[in-house]
Amino acid sequence: MRFVRVVLKQHPRLVLFVDNAPWHRGKKIRLFCRKRSKTLRLVYFPSYSPELNPVEQHWKVAKKAISNRVLHSTQATQYHVRNILQDKKAMPRMFQYLMD
């Protein structure tokens, strides 16, 4: 909600596409959105449809970087994830704009 408040200051009317995670549907979120119904709208991806959510495609690549490895620390995990996210060839085309 903190992030959305900041974005709403810059963009007074906002539509957010979110997955069906419980933290996107909680009571606090519903109340937050209801108070801002003229300026904020949440659109939920259909359940069990990761192919529609671009973030899932992004994480699919990142998960490959750490799967089938023994990582002994959070720092090692971060290292491998950062490396794959910075590799332009490994990222799906839809995320190339993040690398520029």
N, C-alpha and C. Protein backbone atom coordinates (compact mmCIF):
# COMPACT_ATOMS: atom_id res chain seq x y z
N MET A 1 0.83 -1.18 0.00
CA MET A 1 0.00 0.00 0.00
C MET A 1 0.88 1.25 0.00
N ARG A 2 2.02 1.15 0.64
CA ARG A 2 2.95 2.29 0.67
C ARG A 2 3.39 2.63 -0.76
N PHE A 3 3.73 1.59 -1.53
CA PHE A 3 4.14 1.78 -2.92
C PHE A 3 3.02 2.44 -3.73
N VAL A 4 1.81 1.97 -3.56
CA VAL A 4 0.68 2.50 -4.33
C VAL A 4 0.43 3.96 -3.96
N ARG A 5 0.59 4.31 -2.72
CA ARG A 5 0.43 5.72 -2.31
C ARG A 5 1.42 6.62 -3.05
N VAL A 6 2.65 6.17 -3.14
CA VAL A 6 3.69 6.95 -3.83
C VAL A 6 3.35 7.09 -5.31
N VAL A 7 2.95 6.00 -5.92
CA VAL A 7 2.61 6.03 -7.35
C VAL A 7 1.40 6.91 -7.60
N LEU A 8 0.42 6.85 -6.72
CA LEU A 8 -0.78 7.69 -6.88
C LEU A 8 -0.46 9.18 -6.81
N LYS A 9 0.58 9.54 -6.09
CA LYS A 9 0.98 10.96 -6.04
C LYS A 9 1.48 11.41 -7.41
N GLN A 10 2.14 10.51 -8.12
CA GLN A 10 2.69 10.85 -9.44
C GLN A 10 1.66 10.66 -10.55
N HIS A 11 0.77 9.68 -10.36
CA HIS A 11 -0.24 9.34 -11.37
C HIS A 11 -1.60 9.28 -10.67
N PRO A 12 -2.35 10.34 -10.74
CA PRO A 12 -3.58 10.42 -9.94
C PRO A 12 -4.65 9.38 -10.26
N ARG A 13 -4.58 8.77 -11.42
CA ARG A 13 -5.52 7.69 -11.75
C ARG A 13 -4.67 6.48 -12.12
N LEU A 14 -4.97 5.34 -11.50
CA LEU A 14 -4.10 4.19 -11.62
C LEU A 14 -4.89 2.88 -11.71
N VAL A 15 -4.48 2.01 -12.62
CA VAL A 15 -5.01 0.66 -12.72
C VAL A 15 -3.83 -0.28 -12.50
N LEU A 16 -3.95 -1.16 -11.53
CA LEU A 16 -2.90 -2.15 -11.24
C LEU A 16 -3.40 -3.54 -11.55
N PHE A 17 -2.57 -4.31 -12.24
CA PHE A 17 -2.87 -5.71 -12.51
C PHE A 17 -2.10 -6.53 -11.49
N VAL A 18 -2.81 -7.37 -10.74
CA VAL A 18 -2.18 -8.15 -9.68
C VAL A 18 -2.66 -9.60 -9.74
N ASP A 19 -1.86 -10.47 -9.14
CA ASP A 19 -2.27 -11.87 -9.09
C ASP A 19 -3.24 -12.08 -7.93
N ASN A 20 -3.66 -13.29 -7.74
CA ASN A 20 -4.67 -13.59 -6.72
C ASN A 20 -4.07 -13.98 -5.38
N ALA A 21 -2.88 -13.54 -5.10
CA ALA A 21 -2.25 -13.85 -3.82
C ALA A 21 -3.12 -13.29 -2.69
N PRO A 22 -3.15 -14.01 -1.56
CA PRO A 22 -4.01 -13.55 -0.45
C PRO A 22 -3.70 -12.12 0.01
N TRP A 23 -2.45 -11.72 -0.05
CA TRP A 23 -2.09 -10.37 0.41
C TRP A 23 -2.58 -9.30 -0.56
N HIS A 24 -3.03 -9.65 -1.76
CA HIS A 24 -3.61 -8.69 -2.69
C HIS A 24 -5.12 -8.59 -2.53
N ARG A 25 -5.69 -9.43 -1.69
CA ARG A 25 -7.15 -9.47 -1.54
C ARG A 25 -7.60 -9.26 -0.09
N GLY A 26 -6.70 -8.93 0.78
CA GLY A 26 -7.03 -8.81 2.19
C GLY A 26 -7.95 -7.65 2.52
N LYS A 27 -8.43 -7.67 3.74
CA LYS A 27 -9.37 -6.65 4.21
C LYS A 27 -8.77 -5.25 4.11
N LYS A 28 -7.49 -5.11 4.49
CA LYS A 28 -6.84 -3.80 4.43
C LYS A 28 -6.76 -3.29 2.99
N ILE A 29 -6.47 -4.19 2.06
CA ILE A 29 -6.38 -3.80 0.66
C ILE A 29 -7.75 -3.37 0.14
N ARG A 30 -8.77 -4.14 0.46
CA ARG A 30 -10.12 -3.78 0.01
C ARG A 30 -10.53 -2.40 0.54
N LEU A 31 -10.26 -2.15 1.82
CA LEU A 31 -10.60 -0.85 2.41
C LEU A 31 -9.79 0.27 1.75
N PHE A 32 -8.51 0.03 1.55
CA PHE A 32 -7.62 1.00 0.90
C PHE A 32 -8.16 1.36 -0.49
N CYS A 33 -8.54 0.35 -1.27
CA CYS A 33 -9.05 0.57 -2.62
C CYS A 33 -10.42 1.24 -2.60
N ARG A 34 -11.27 0.84 -1.67
CA ARG A 34 -12.61 1.42 -1.57
C ARG A 34 -12.52 2.93 -1.33
N LYS A 35 -11.58 3.36 -0.48
CA LYS A 35 -11.41 4.79 -0.19
C LYS A 35 -10.91 5.56 -1.41
N ARG A 36 -10.30 4.85 -2.35
CA ARG A 36 -9.73 5.49 -3.53
C ARG A 36 -10.40 4.98 -4.81
N SER A 37 -11.66 4.64 -4.72
CA SER A 37 -12.36 4.00 -5.84
C SER A 37 -12.40 4.85 -7.11
N LYS A 38 -12.30 6.16 -6.99
CA LYS A 38 -12.32 7.02 -8.18
C LYS A 38 -10.94 7.16 -8.81
N THR A 39 -9.89 6.79 -8.08
CA THR A 39 -8.53 6.98 -8.60
C THR A 39 -7.73 5.69 -8.74
N LEU A 40 -8.18 4.61 -8.09
CA LEU A 40 -7.41 3.37 -8.09
C LEU A 40 -8.32 2.19 -8.41
N ARG A 41 -7.83 1.34 -9.29
CA ARG A 41 -8.57 0.12 -9.62
C ARG A 41 -7.60 -1.05 -9.67
N LEU A 42 -7.94 -2.13 -9.00
CA LEU A 42 -7.16 -3.36 -9.08
C LEU A 42 -7.86 -4.32 -10.03
N VAL A 43 -7.10 -4.89 -10.93
CA VAL A 43 -7.61 -5.91 -11.85
C VAL A 43 -6.83 -7.17 -11.54
N TYR A 44 -7.55 -8.24 -11.26
CA TYR A 44 -6.90 -9.49 -10.87
C TYR A 44 -6.75 -10.42 -12.07
N PHE A 45 -5.56 -10.99 -12.19
CA PHE A 45 -5.36 -12.03 -13.20
C PHE A 45 -6.22 -13.22 -12.80
N PRO A 46 -6.69 -13.99 -13.78
CA PRO A 46 -7.46 -15.19 -13.43
C PRO A 46 -6.61 -16.15 -12.59
N SER A 47 -7.26 -16.91 -11.74
CA SER A 47 -6.54 -17.89 -10.93
C SER A 47 -5.82 -18.89 -11.82
N TYR A 48 -4.66 -19.30 -11.36
CA TYR A 48 -3.87 -20.33 -12.05
C TYR A 48 -3.58 -19.96 -13.50
N SER A 49 -3.15 -18.73 -13.71
CA SER A 49 -2.81 -18.29 -15.06
C SER A 49 -1.49 -17.53 -15.08
N PRO A 50 -0.40 -18.19 -14.68
CA PRO A 50 0.89 -17.50 -14.64
C PRO A 50 1.35 -17.00 -16.01
N GLU A 51 0.85 -17.60 -17.08
CA GLU A 51 1.26 -17.16 -18.41
C GLU A 51 0.76 -15.76 -18.74
N LEU A 52 -0.24 -15.28 -18.02
CA LEU A 52 -0.76 -13.93 -18.24
C LEU A 52 -0.03 -12.88 -17.42
N ASN A 53 0.68 -13.31 -16.42
CA ASN A 53 1.35 -12.39 -15.50
C ASN A 53 2.82 -12.28 -15.90
N PRO A 54 3.24 -11.13 -16.44
CA PRO A 54 4.62 -10.99 -16.89
C PRO A 54 5.65 -11.22 -15.80
N VAL A 55 5.31 -10.92 -14.57
CA VAL A 55 6.26 -11.13 -13.47
C VAL A 55 6.59 -12.61 -13.32
N GLU A 56 5.62 -13.47 -13.55
CA GLU A 56 5.86 -14.91 -13.44
C GLU A 56 6.89 -15.37 -14.48
N GLN A 57 6.83 -14.79 -15.67
CA GLN A 57 7.81 -15.14 -16.70
C GLN A 57 9.21 -14.69 -16.28
N HIS A 58 9.26 -13.56 -15.64
CA HIS A 58 10.51 -13.02 -15.12
C HIS A 58 11.10 -13.96 -14.06
N TRP A 59 10.26 -14.39 -13.13
CA TRP A 59 10.73 -15.25 -12.05
C TRP A 59 11.07 -16.65 -12.53
N LYS A 60 10.43 -17.08 -13.61
CA LYS A 60 10.76 -18.40 -14.17
C LYS A 60 12.26 -18.45 -14.51
N VAL A 61 12.76 -17.40 -15.12
CA VAL A 61 14.18 -17.32 -15.47
C VAL A 61 15.04 -17.24 -14.20
N ALA A 62 14.61 -16.45 -13.25
CA ALA A 62 15.40 -16.29 -12.01
C ALA A 62 15.45 -17.58 -11.21
N LYS A 63 14.35 -18.32 -11.19
CA LYS A 63 14.33 -19.58 -10.44
C LYS A 63 15.30 -20.59 -11.02
N LYS A 64 15.46 -20.58 -12.34
CA LYS A 64 16.42 -21.49 -12.98
C LYS A 64 17.83 -21.23 -12.48
N ALA A 65 18.13 -19.99 -12.19
CA ALA A 65 19.48 -19.62 -11.74
C ALA A 65 19.82 -20.24 -10.39
N ILE A 66 18.81 -20.52 -9.59
CA ILE A 66 19.11 -21.05 -8.25
C ILE A 66 18.63 -22.47 -8.03
N SER A 67 17.97 -23.05 -9.03
CA SER A 67 17.50 -24.43 -8.85
C SER A 67 18.66 -25.41 -9.05
N ASN A 68 18.55 -26.55 -8.40
CA ASN A 68 19.55 -27.61 -8.49
C ASN A 68 20.95 -27.16 -8.06
N ARG A 69 20.99 -26.26 -7.12
CA ARG A 69 22.25 -25.77 -6.55
C ARG A 69 22.15 -25.83 -5.03
N VAL A 70 23.28 -26.00 -4.43
CA VAL A 70 23.34 -25.88 -2.98
C VAL A 70 23.89 -24.49 -2.71
N LEU A 71 23.03 -23.65 -2.17
CA LEU A 71 23.42 -22.28 -1.84
C LEU A 71 23.48 -22.16 -0.33
N HIS A 72 24.64 -21.80 0.16
CA HIS A 72 24.87 -21.83 1.59
C HIS A 72 24.55 -20.52 2.31
N SER A 73 24.14 -19.52 1.57
CA SER A 73 23.84 -18.25 2.23
C SER A 73 22.87 -17.43 1.38
N THR A 74 22.28 -16.46 2.02
CA THR A 74 21.41 -15.53 1.31
C THR A 74 22.24 -14.75 0.28
N GLN A 75 23.46 -14.40 0.63
CA GLN A 75 24.32 -13.66 -0.27
C GLN A 75 24.61 -14.46 -1.55
N ALA A 76 24.82 -15.76 -1.41
CA ALA A 76 25.06 -16.60 -2.59
C ALA A 76 23.83 -16.64 -3.48
N THR A 77 22.67 -16.73 -2.87
CA THR A 77 21.42 -16.74 -3.63
C THR A 77 21.25 -15.42 -4.37
N GLN A 78 21.47 -14.32 -3.68
CA GLN A 78 21.35 -13.00 -4.30
C GLN A 78 22.33 -12.85 -5.46
N TYR A 79 23.53 -13.35 -5.28
CA TYR A 79 24.55 -13.27 -6.33
C TYR A 79 24.06 -13.95 -7.61
N HIS A 80 23.58 -15.17 -7.49
CA HIS A 80 23.14 -15.92 -8.66
C HIS A 80 21.91 -15.31 -9.32
N VAL A 81 20.98 -14.85 -8.51
CA VAL A 81 19.77 -14.23 -9.07
C VAL A 81 20.13 -12.93 -9.78
N ARG A 82 20.98 -12.10 -9.17
CA ARG A 82 21.39 -10.84 -9.81
C ARG A 82 22.09 -11.10 -11.14
N ASN A 83 22.95 -12.10 -11.16
CA ASN A 83 23.67 -12.40 -12.41
C ASN A 83 22.72 -12.76 -13.53
N ILE A 84 21.74 -13.59 -13.24
CA ILE A 84 20.82 -14.00 -14.30
C ILE A 84 19.92 -12.84 -14.72
N LEU A 85 19.53 -12.00 -13.78
CA LEU A 85 18.66 -10.87 -14.11
C LEU A 85 19.39 -9.81 -14.93
N GLN A 86 20.70 -9.78 -14.83
CA GLN A 86 21.50 -8.81 -15.59
C GLN A 86 21.94 -9.36 -16.94
N ASP A 87 21.68 -10.63 -17.20
CA ASP A 87 22.08 -11.26 -18.46
C ASP A 87 20.98 -11.03 -19.50
N LYS A 88 21.25 -10.14 -20.45
CA LYS A 88 20.24 -9.78 -21.45
C LYS A 88 19.77 -10.98 -22.27
N LYS A 89 20.65 -11.92 -22.53
CA LYS A 89 20.28 -13.07 -23.34
C LYS A 89 19.36 -14.04 -22.58
N ALA A 90 19.46 -14.05 -21.27
CA ALA A 90 18.68 -14.99 -20.46
C ALA A 90 17.27 -14.48 -20.17
N MET A 91 17.11 -13.19 -20.19
CA MET A 91 15.81 -12.62 -19.83
C MET A 91 14.84 -12.68 -21.01
N PRO A 92 13.55 -12.91 -20.74
CA PRO A 92 12.56 -12.86 -21.82
C PRO A 92 12.57 -11.49 -22.47
N ARG A 93 12.23 -11.44 -23.73
CA ARG A 93 12.26 -10.17 -24.48
C ARG A 93 11.45 -9.07 -23.81
N MET A 94 10.34 -9.45 -23.19
CA MET A 94 9.49 -8.43 -22.59
C MET A 94 10.19 -7.65 -21.48
N PHE A 95 11.31 -8.17 -20.97
CA PHE A 95 12.01 -7.49 -19.89
C PHE A 95 13.28 -6.80 -20.35
N GLN A 96 13.54 -6.74 -21.64
CA GLN A 96 14.76 -6.12 -22.13
C GLN A 96 14.82 -4.64 -21.74
N TYR A 97 13.67 -3.99 -21.65
CA TYR A 97 13.67 -2.58 -21.27
C TYR A 97 14.23 -2.35 -19.88
N LEU A 98 14.19 -3.36 -19.02
CA LEU A 98 14.75 -3.23 -17.68
C LEU A 98 16.27 -3.16 -17.70
N MET A 99 16.88 -3.67 -18.75
CA MET A 99 18.32 -3.77 -18.80
C MET A 99 18.97 -2.54 -19.41
N ASP A 100 18.20 -1.67 -20.01
CA ASP A 100 18.76 -0.48 -20.68
C ASP A 100 18.98 0.65 -19.71
